[in-house]
Each structure stands twice: as structure tokens, then as C-alpha cells.
Amino acid sequence: METRAGDPGAFAHFDLNRVPSPAFVVDAAKVRANLAVLRHIGDASGARVLAALKAFSMWSLGSTVTDYLDGVCASGLYEAKLGREEYGGPNGDKEVATYCAGYKAEDLPEIAKLSDHLIFNSPGQVERFRPLLDELRAAGESFDIGLRINPQHSEGEVPKYDPAAPCSRLGFPVSQLRPEHMAGVDGIHMHVLCEQDFPPLARTWAAVEPSLAPYLGQLKWLNFGGGHHVTRADYQIDDLVAFLKNVRETTGCEVMIEPGEAVALDAGILVGEILDLFDNGMPIGITDISATCHMPDVIEAPYRPAMLGEEEDGAVTRLGGPSCLAGDVIGDYRLPGGASIGNRFAFLDQAHYSMVKTNTFNGVPLPSIWLWDSATDELTLIREFGYEDFKTRLS
């Protein structure tokens, strides 16, 4: 899998020695620029734009996100709490839309209290929890009930990241949707995209609209989920705006999108250092960045992260992490200035997903988190991690 991002932007001029290694550095100015694009889409189309916390939940920028967007979408109790606490806005009126593939009954009362939209993965879940939902509403809680559908139209490039892949667990198959399933449902949620531009969204809607047509008159909203790479330079923004406006006008529904990566696209780097070099059929570099601990998608997707300033020619070095996992390999690179012990380097576009997926397998330390504003050159330490963070996750 090739990432479609990797623009160095202002990081081309950032001194990697200003932070310890390893470290995430997020450019607040780039985040603001991304958010401005998303705000334009919302204003021009009339759609509501929510930030997907699953991709980027650096809540020290929560107030910045709420300055631009209509709220956040969450994937369960913890993200819903974070959304309400840190992204609720000064008046507490920003939206929290929560979707979970499987809710627990003991969590639902608190999730319902935190959420404006409570989105279920199947009609069966809605029916099973109906008495509890009625009880919560009778007690004064106010929330819409949503249903996630599977459009059964695949646009994903990698099967494991394709919610519409055969036998997917995500969303109720639209071909099985019946009028009784829609009783009490206020909105439909769908999500099939991953780092994609506008045409896949248009094709998905064309494929699924006929199946939804009988129910559109009773729905309040349609949520097109995330995966929209709208802040990428080549994204067809005008087409998206026209599409969202048309859907609103033709269906009478409020329309939402939930970009995640787009909020922090090309807004962060992960700084590392070479700890050791040796030869085993090719140059091998051991770094203090671990694919499995710090960039799990390198292994899960898999993909090769872009390197800041990578050279076009020269010796290739295979970089891997310090863990004992044999597959803890990041990729083969031509490092700026060549590979040598103590050299600093950085991987691009690491603000989204990498930070939210870090772990301490093998006792590998977590990278610190820094906020840099390229407009002012202000650099602020947000969080450092130590032994206690590792120990307190265990027992």
C-alpha cells in the first residue's frame, strides 16, 4: 500500500535536533489549514463536518478543532467522553456522534448521555436495546438513533481496510434492509472509503440510493462516514460540495461527513535516530522507532511511510525497530546524508493513526509528543512518557 500523502510542508525546514528522539511533532498551523478547508466544505454545502477521533485525538488541539468543525464522532464510551470533555466547545453544544460495532448494556446509559447520535451496527441491536433506550429517553436523555448500513459496494484498495469487503462485520447489509428494521431509526450511517477522493463516494451513493429510497422520507439525516481525503491537494472539493448540496436537496435529510485523516493530513512527523548499523546482505539500521510499537499500520496495512528528505540515489539501508519482533521492519531507505549511527531522520504524515495506535510491547518507550506552530516557530512539549506509563498498563 502506498500512502497518498507525504508532503513535508514546513517540516522541510524543521531542525530535528530540537526534540528528543523518538518524538511526534505536530504542526498546529497545518492542522488549522486543514480545518479551514473542512470548514469551507461545510459552509459551502450546508453539511455538518465532524472530526473522527479514532484517527486523531490529540485533545490539546480540541479547542482548535471546535473553532472550525461541528463536533466529533466517537467509537465507544471513552472517545465519547473525550469528545464531550475536550471538543464540546465553550457552550458545550458541539455534536458527539457515537458508533460502535457492539455496545455493552452497562455502557449505554453514559454513552447516550454524552452523545447526540447513537449509531448501531444492526437492527437486532436496536431492537434488543429498545427498552433501555426508551427508558433513557423517558428519563430526559435526548439522542437520535442511527443505523449503520453496509452498502455492499466495495471501493477499498486493501481488503482488511474495506468495510464493504465480503462477509464484513461492519454495517447491516443494505440488501437485507426491511421496513420493520427502520422503525424508530432517525438516520443512516455508511462508511466505505479509505484515503480516497470524490469519485468513489459518488459511485457508492449511486449504488446504494435505490435501496434507501423507500426510507428517505422518514429519515432526519445521512452520515457518509470518513475516509474522505479532502485536504489532499488534488481532492475534487467543488465536486464534493455540489454532491452534498444535491443530496440534501433531493432527500430532505441533513448530511454529515466524518473526516479523520483529513484533519491532520501532512501535519505531523515522527523523529527517530539510528542506534546501530551492520551488514547482513544489505546495510541494516536499528532505530529507536518501532514499526510495531509506534507505527503499527506499517505492518498491518502494510505500507511504507515516506521519509523527510529521502535521497533519490545512494546506498539503501533497511530500517527496523529495537523490539525482538522479527518483523519489526519499517522499510528500505536512502537516508539524507547517508546512514550513520546517531543520525536523526523523520517519517512524514504521522499525526493521524500512528499516535492513537502506539503501544509499549517489549517495553519499548513511547515517543514524546510536541506541538510546533510553523507560523510562529513556537515549540511546546505536550507529553512525555516513562516507565510508569508502561508499568501501569500491566498488573
Protein backbone atom coordinates (compact mmCIF):
# COMPACT_ATOMS: atom_id res chain seq x y z
CA MET A 1 0.00 0.00 0.00
CA GLU A 2 1.36 3.42 -0.96
CA THR A 3 0.36 6.39 1.15
CA ARG A 4 -1.06 9.24 -0.93
CA ALA A 5 0.25 11.86 1.48
CA GLY A 6 3.81 12.72 2.48
CA ASP A 7 4.17 16.43 1.66
CA PRO A 8 6.89 17.75 4.00
CA GLY A 9 5.42 21.26 4.07
CA ALA A 10 7.03 23.40 6.75
CA PHE A 11 8.81 20.36 8.21
CA ALA A 12 11.32 20.68 5.38
CA HIS A 13 12.84 23.49 7.48
CA PHE A 14 12.41 21.96 10.97
CA ASP A 15 15.59 21.10 12.89
CA LEU A 16 15.10 17.51 14.05
CA ASN A 17 17.54 18.07 16.92
CA ARG A 18 15.11 20.45 18.61
CA VAL A 19 13.24 17.49 20.11
CA PRO A 20 14.40 14.28 21.82
CA SER A 21 14.16 11.01 19.94
CA PRO A 22 11.75 9.39 19.38
CA ALA A 23 9.15 12.14 19.20
CA PHE A 24 5.96 13.04 17.40
CA VAL A 25 5.89 16.67 16.26
CA VAL A 26 2.56 18.13 15.12
CA ASP A 27 2.35 21.41 13.21
CA ALA A 28 -0.58 23.43 14.61
CA ALA A 29 -0.54 25.76 11.60
CA LYS A 30 -1.02 22.85 9.21
CA VAL A 31 -3.87 21.47 11.34
CA ARG A 32 -5.54 24.89 11.18
CA ALA A 33 -5.10 24.99 7.40
CA ASN A 34 -6.70 21.55 7.08
CA LEU A 35 -9.57 22.57 9.34
CA ALA A 36 -10.15 25.70 7.26
CA VAL A 37 -10.66 23.53 4.16
CA LEU A 38 -13.13 21.36 6.06
CA ARG A 39 -14.98 24.43 7.34
CA HIS A 40 -15.27 25.72 3.77
CA ILE A 41 -16.82 22.42 2.68
CA GLY A 42 -19.35 22.60 5.50
CA ASP A 43 -20.24 26.23 4.83
CA ALA A 44 -20.49 25.82 1.06
CA SER A 45 -22.53 22.61 1.14
CA GLY A 46 -24.60 23.01 4.28
CA ALA A 47 -23.28 19.67 5.53
CA ARG A 48 -22.14 19.08 9.08
CA VAL A 49 -18.46 18.16 9.38
CA LEU A 50 -17.34 16.02 12.33
CA ALA A 51 -13.76 15.07 13.23
CA ALA A 52 -13.13 11.33 13.64
CA LEU A 53 -11.35 10.90 16.97
CA LYS A 54 -10.28 7.37 16.03
CA ALA A 55 -7.77 8.90 13.61
CA PHE A 56 -6.56 11.95 15.50
CA SER A 57 -7.46 12.58 19.14
CA MET A 58 -4.71 14.98 20.22
CA TRP A 59 -7.05 16.73 22.62
CA SER A 60 -4.62 19.53 23.37
CA LEU A 61 -5.91 20.81 20.00
CA GLY A 62 -9.53 20.17 20.95
CA SER A 63 -10.45 23.84 21.16
CA THR A 64 -8.82 24.44 17.76
CA VAL A 65 -10.91 21.69 16.19
CA THR A 66 -14.11 23.04 17.73
CA ASP A 67 -13.34 26.52 16.40
CA TYR A 68 -13.78 25.11 12.89
CA LEU A 69 -15.92 21.98 12.95
CA ASP A 70 -19.39 20.96 14.11
CA GLY A 71 -18.25 18.27 16.52
CA VAL A 72 -16.68 14.84 16.61
CA CYS A 73 -17.54 11.22 16.00
CA ALA A 74 -16.61 8.59 18.57
CA SER A 75 -16.23 4.81 18.52
CA GLY A 76 -17.34 3.98 22.05
CA LEU A 77 -17.56 5.20 25.62
CA TYR A 78 -14.02 6.51 26.06
CA GLU A 79 -13.95 8.51 22.83
CA ALA A 80 -17.44 9.84 23.55
CA LYS A 81 -16.24 11.07 26.95
CA LEU A 82 -13.18 12.66 25.39
CA GLY A 83 -15.33 14.26 22.73
CA ARG A 84 -17.74 15.78 25.21
CA GLU A 85 -14.99 16.90 27.62
CA GLU A 86 -12.41 18.30 25.21
CA TYR A 87 -14.31 19.01 21.96
CA GLY A 88 -17.66 20.16 23.29
CA GLY A 89 -16.94 23.84 22.67
CA PRO A 90 -17.23 26.76 25.11
CA ASN A 91 -21.01 26.36 25.26
CA GLY A 92 -20.97 22.57 25.28
CA ASP A 93 -23.12 22.47 22.16
CA LYS A 94 -20.80 20.73 19.72
CA GLU A 95 -22.02 17.40 18.42
CA VAL A 96 -20.86 13.95 19.53
CA ALA A 97 -21.95 11.12 17.23
CA THR A 98 -21.09 7.67 18.56
CA TYR A 99 -20.94 4.46 16.53
CA CYS A 100 -19.80 1.13 17.94
CA ALA A 101 -19.90 -2.28 16.29
CA GLY A 102 -21.08 -3.79 19.56
CA TYR A 103 -22.37 -1.89 22.60
CA LYS A 104 -22.46 -3.21 26.15
CA ALA A 105 -25.68 -2.63 28.04
CA GLU A 106 -23.83 -1.27 31.07
CA ASP A 107 -22.13 1.40 28.91
CA LEU A 108 -25.17 2.63 27.00
CA PRO A 109 -26.66 4.95 29.65
CA GLU A 110 -23.44 7.00 29.86
CA ILE A 111 -22.85 6.91 26.10
CA ALA A 112 -26.43 8.08 25.49
CA LYS A 113 -25.92 10.95 27.92
CA LEU A 114 -22.78 12.03 26.09
CA SER A 115 -24.00 11.56 22.51
CA ASP A 116 -26.31 13.38 20.14
CA HIS A 117 -26.40 10.44 17.73
CA LEU A 118 -26.25 6.84 18.93
CA ILE A 119 -25.50 4.68 15.89
CA PHE A 120 -25.96 0.90 15.92
CA ASN A 121 -24.38 -1.75 13.73
CA SER A 122 -27.51 -3.84 13.18
CA PRO A 123 -31.31 -3.66 13.58
CA GLY A 124 -31.01 -6.53 16.04
CA GLN A 125 -29.02 -4.37 18.42
CA VAL A 126 -31.56 -1.57 18.16
CA GLU A 127 -34.37 -3.99 18.96
CA ARG A 128 -32.57 -5.62 21.88
CA PHE A 129 -31.76 -2.28 23.47
CA ARG A 130 -35.12 -0.67 22.67
CA PRO A 131 -36.49 -0.95 26.24
CA LEU A 132 -33.32 0.63 27.64
CA LEU A 133 -33.33 3.37 25.02
CA ASP A 134 -36.99 4.15 25.74
CA GLU A 135 -36.21 4.25 29.44
CA LEU A 136 -33.32 6.65 28.91
CA ARG A 137 -35.43 8.97 26.79
CA ALA A 138 -38.22 8.88 29.35
CA ALA A 139 -35.66 9.94 31.96
CA GLY A 140 -34.81 13.01 29.87
CA GLU A 141 -31.92 11.92 27.68
CA SER A 142 -32.10 13.27 24.14
CA PHE A 143 -30.41 11.41 21.29
CA ASP A 144 -31.09 10.23 17.77
CA ILE A 145 -30.89 6.56 16.86
CA GLY A 146 -28.84 5.72 13.80
CA LEU A 147 -28.22 2.53 11.86
CA ARG A 148 -25.00 1.75 10.04
CA ILE A 149 -25.57 0.02 6.74
CA ASN A 150 -23.14 -1.89 4.56
CA PRO A 151 -23.70 -0.56 1.01
CA GLN A 152 -22.29 -3.84 -0.35
CA HIS A 153 -20.39 -1.72 -2.84
CA SER A 154 -16.64 -2.06 -2.47
CA GLU A 155 -14.24 0.81 -3.17
CA GLY A 156 -11.43 -0.26 -0.83
CA GLU A 157 -7.97 -0.93 -2.21
CA VAL A 158 -6.88 -3.18 0.70
CA PRO A 159 -9.39 -5.85 1.85
CA LYS A 160 -8.60 -5.57 5.57
CA TYR A 161 -9.39 -1.82 5.41
CA ASP A 162 -12.51 -2.26 3.26
CA PRO A 163 -15.71 -2.11 5.34
CA ALA A 164 -17.66 -3.42 2.34
CA ALA A 165 -15.47 -6.47 1.77
CA PRO A 166 -17.31 -9.82 1.58
CA CYS A 167 -18.56 -11.06 4.97
CA SER A 168 -17.70 -7.73 6.62
CA ARG A 169 -18.73 -7.27 10.25
CA LEU A 170 -19.29 -3.54 9.76
CA GLY A 171 -22.80 -2.39 8.98
CA PHE A 172 -26.06 -4.16 8.15
CA PRO A 173 -26.21 -5.39 4.53
CA VAL A 174 -28.42 -2.95 2.65
CA SER A 175 -29.88 -5.78 0.57
CA GLN A 176 -31.41 -7.21 3.76
CA LEU A 177 -32.96 -3.94 4.93
CA ARG A 178 -36.71 -4.17 5.59
CA PRO A 179 -39.31 -1.59 6.70
CA GLU A 180 -39.50 -3.14 10.18
CA HIS A 181 -35.77 -2.54 10.62
CA MET A 182 -36.29 1.18 10.20
CA ALA A 183 -38.84 1.62 12.98
CA GLY A 184 -37.59 4.39 15.24
CA VAL A 185 -34.41 4.93 13.23
CA ASP A 186 -33.59 8.63 12.73
CA GLY A 187 -30.58 8.36 10.43
CA ILE A 188 -28.42 6.15 8.27
CA HIS A 189 -24.65 5.90 8.57
CA MET A 190 -22.36 4.42 5.92
CA HIS A 191 -18.59 4.29 5.61
CA VAL A 192 -16.66 2.56 2.83
CA LEU A 193 -13.76 4.88 1.97
CA CYS A 194 -10.09 4.87 2.98
CA GLU A 195 -7.74 7.67 1.87
CA GLN A 196 -9.88 8.25 -1.22
CA ASP A 197 -11.06 11.14 -3.34
CA PHE A 198 -14.55 12.06 -4.53
CA PRO A 199 -15.43 9.58 -7.34
CA PRO A 200 -15.61 6.53 -5.01
CA LEU A 201 -18.12 8.39 -2.83
CA ALA A 202 -20.24 9.28 -5.86
CA ARG A 203 -20.21 5.67 -7.05
CA THR A 204 -21.15 4.38 -3.60
CA TRP A 205 -24.15 6.69 -3.36
CA ALA A 206 -25.29 5.77 -6.85
CA ALA A 207 -25.14 2.10 -5.86
CA VAL A 208 -26.97 2.42 -2.56
CA GLU A 209 -29.52 5.20 -3.15
CA PRO A 210 -32.13 2.96 -4.84
CA SER A 211 -32.18 0.66 -1.80
CA LEU A 212 -32.57 3.60 0.59
CA ALA A 213 -35.14 5.49 -1.48
CA PRO A 214 -38.19 3.93 0.26
CA TYR A 215 -36.97 5.19 3.64
CA LEU A 216 -35.62 8.64 2.85
CA GLY A 217 -38.91 10.35 3.66
CA GLN A 218 -38.73 9.18 7.26
CA LEU A 219 -35.04 9.89 7.89
CA LYS A 220 -33.64 13.03 9.51
CA TRP A 221 -30.03 12.60 8.44
CA LEU A 222 -27.49 10.74 6.34
CA ASN A 223 -23.92 10.29 7.53
CA PHE A 224 -21.34 9.44 4.85
CA GLY A 225 -18.65 8.49 7.37
CA GLY A 226 -14.95 9.08 6.87
CA GLY A 227 -12.10 8.18 4.56
CA HIS A 228 -12.56 11.40 2.57
CA HIS A 229 -9.06 12.73 1.77
CA VAL A 230 -10.49 16.20 1.28
CA THR A 231 -7.44 18.16 2.45
CA ARG A 232 -5.16 16.50 -0.09
CA ALA A 233 -4.08 18.97 -2.75
CA ASP A 234 -5.69 17.09 -5.63
CA TYR A 235 -9.06 16.37 -3.99
CA GLN A 236 -12.13 17.44 -6.01
CA ILE A 237 -13.58 19.82 -3.40
CA ASP A 238 -16.09 21.51 -5.74
CA ASP A 239 -17.50 18.14 -6.74
CA LEU A 240 -17.91 17.12 -3.11
CA VAL A 241 -19.67 20.38 -2.24
CA ALA A 242 -22.06 20.00 -5.17
CA PHE A 243 -22.74 16.38 -4.23
CA LEU A 244 -23.51 17.14 -0.59
CA LYS A 245 -25.81 20.02 -1.57
CA ASN A 246 -27.64 17.80 -4.05
CA VAL A 247 -28.15 15.01 -1.53
CA ARG A 248 -29.54 17.47 0.99
CA GLU A 249 -31.92 18.95 -1.54
CA THR A 250 -33.13 15.70 -3.10
CA THR A 251 -33.53 13.70 0.11
CA GLY A 252 -34.58 16.40 2.57
CA CYS A 253 -32.07 14.96 5.01
CA GLU A 254 -29.35 16.67 6.96
CA VAL A 255 -25.99 15.42 5.66
CA MET A 256 -22.77 14.72 7.56
CA ILE A 257 -19.22 13.62 6.82
CA GLU A 258 -16.67 12.41 9.35
CA PRO A 259 -13.11 13.07 8.10
CA GLY A 260 -10.34 11.76 10.31
CA GLU A 261 -7.06 11.72 8.44
CA ALA A 262 -8.07 14.92 6.64
CA VAL A 263 -7.89 16.86 9.92
CA ALA A 264 -4.21 16.06 10.43
CA LEU A 265 -3.05 15.16 6.92
CA ASP A 266 0.64 16.01 6.48
CA ALA A 267 0.55 17.76 9.86
CA GLY A 268 2.95 15.59 11.83
CA ILE A 269 6.28 13.78 11.74
CA LEU A 270 7.86 11.04 13.82
CA VAL A 271 11.50 11.80 14.62
CA GLY A 272 13.92 8.93 15.15
CA GLU A 273 17.59 8.13 15.49
CA ILE A 274 19.87 5.36 14.22
CA LEU A 275 21.20 3.30 17.14
CA ASP A 276 23.29 0.72 15.30
CA LEU A 277 24.42 -0.28 11.80
CA PHE A 278 25.69 -3.58 10.43
CA ASP A 279 25.59 -5.65 7.25
CA ASN A 280 23.53 -8.77 6.63
CA GLY A 281 23.28 -8.98 2.87
CA MET A 282 22.50 -5.26 2.90
CA PRO A 283 23.01 -2.40 5.37
CA ILE A 284 20.75 -2.84 8.43
CA GLY A 285 19.91 0.11 10.66
CA ILE A 286 18.43 -0.34 14.15
CA THR A 287 16.45 2.71 15.19
CA ASP A 288 14.61 3.90 18.28
CA ILE A 289 11.38 3.89 16.23
CA SER A 290 9.49 0.63 16.21
CA ALA A 291 7.03 -0.21 13.46
CA THR A 292 5.04 -2.50 15.74
CA CYS A 293 5.01 -0.08 18.69
CA HIS A 294 4.92 3.36 17.07
CA MET A 295 3.57 2.89 13.52
CA PRO A 296 1.51 -0.34 13.58
CA ASP A 297 -0.08 0.38 10.19
CA VAL A 298 3.35 -0.18 8.60
CA ILE A 299 2.81 -3.86 9.46
CA GLU A 300 -0.99 -4.03 9.45
CA ALA A 301 -1.72 -2.28 6.14
CA PRO A 302 1.12 -2.76 5.19
CA TYR A 303 2.66 0.41 3.81
CA ARG A 304 5.97 2.23 3.53
CA PRO A 305 5.97 5.62 5.29
CA ALA A 306 7.56 8.49 3.40
CA MET A 307 10.81 9.86 4.83
CA LEU A 308 11.60 13.53 5.20
CA GLY A 309 14.29 14.46 2.69
CA GLU A 310 14.91 10.93 1.41
CA GLU A 311 17.51 10.96 -1.35
CA GLU A 312 16.84 9.61 -4.84
CA ASP A 313 20.22 7.94 -5.20
CA GLY A 314 22.73 6.35 -2.88
CA ALA A 315 23.02 3.36 -0.59
CA VAL A 316 19.82 1.73 0.64
CA THR A 317 19.54 0.88 4.34
CA ARG A 318 16.87 -1.34 5.84
CA LEU A 319 15.49 0.33 8.96
CA GLY A 320 13.87 -1.55 11.82
CA GLY A 321 12.97 -1.06 15.43
CA PRO A 322 14.61 -2.09 18.71
CA SER A 323 12.00 -4.72 19.63
CA CYS A 324 12.51 -8.51 19.49
CA LEU A 325 9.79 -8.94 16.84
CA ALA A 326 11.50 -10.28 13.71
CA GLY A 327 9.01 -8.40 11.55
CA ASP A 328 9.65 -5.03 13.21
CA VAL A 329 10.88 -3.64 9.89
CA ILE A 330 9.93 -0.16 8.69
CA GLY A 331 11.36 -0.32 5.17
CA ASP A 332 14.34 0.34 2.92
CA TYR A 333 15.51 3.96 2.66
CA ARG A 334 18.18 6.23 1.23
CA LEU A 335 18.72 8.42 4.27
CA PRO A 336 19.54 12.11 3.89
CA GLY A 337 23.30 12.42 4.07
CA GLY A 338 23.68 8.64 4.30
CA ALA A 339 23.20 6.28 7.24
CA SER A 340 25.38 6.65 10.31
CA ILE A 341 24.97 5.95 13.99
CA GLY A 342 23.38 8.90 15.80
CA ASN A 343 21.80 10.38 12.67
CA ARG A 344 18.34 11.86 13.05
CA PHE A 345 15.61 11.26 10.47
CA ALA A 346 11.82 11.67 10.33
CA PHE A 347 8.86 9.92 8.79
CA LEU A 348 6.17 12.12 7.27
CA ASP A 349 2.40 12.23 7.82
CA GLN A 350 2.44 10.55 11.22
CA ALA A 351 -0.01 12.73 13.16
CA HIS A 352 -3.05 10.60 12.35
CA TYR A 353 -3.46 6.93 13.30
CA SER A 354 0.16 6.45 14.38
CA MET A 355 -0.23 8.39 17.64
CA VAL A 356 -3.55 6.76 18.55
CA LYS A 357 -2.16 3.26 17.92
CA THR A 358 1.11 3.36 19.85
CA ASN A 359 1.81 0.63 22.40
CA THR A 360 4.58 -0.48 24.76
CA PHE A 361 5.16 -4.04 23.54
CA ASN A 362 8.54 -5.35 24.64
CA GLY A 363 8.90 -2.36 26.96
CA VAL A 364 9.75 -0.10 24.02
CA PRO A 365 9.37 3.52 25.21
CA LEU A 366 6.64 5.68 23.72
CA PRO A 367 7.63 8.78 21.72
CA SER A 368 7.09 12.13 23.39
CA ILE A 369 4.54 14.47 21.79
CA TRP A 370 5.38 18.02 20.73
CA LEU A 371 3.30 20.82 19.24
CA TRP A 372 5.06 23.12 16.81
CA ASP A 373 3.46 26.14 15.19
CA SER A 374 5.24 26.70 11.90
CA ALA A 375 3.66 30.16 11.64
CA THR A 376 5.36 31.36 14.84
CA ASP A 377 8.09 28.70 15.35
CA GLU A 378 6.77 28.12 18.88
CA LEU A 379 7.60 24.60 20.09
CA THR A 380 5.81 23.12 23.11
CA LEU A 381 6.19 19.80 24.88
CA ILE A 382 2.73 18.27 25.24
CA ARG A 383 3.51 14.92 26.85
CA GLU A 384 6.43 12.73 27.85
CA PHE A 385 6.09 9.04 28.71
CA GLY A 386 8.13 6.94 31.08
CA TYR A 387 8.37 3.65 32.92
CA GLU A 388 5.20 4.26 34.93
CA ASP A 389 3.17 4.51 31.72
CA PHE A 390 4.45 1.06 30.81
CA LYS A 391 4.01 -0.45 34.27
CA THR A 392 0.52 0.87 34.99
CA ARG A 393 -0.89 -0.82 31.87
CA LEU A 394 0.07 -4.18 33.41
CA SER A 395 -0.63 -5.88 36.70
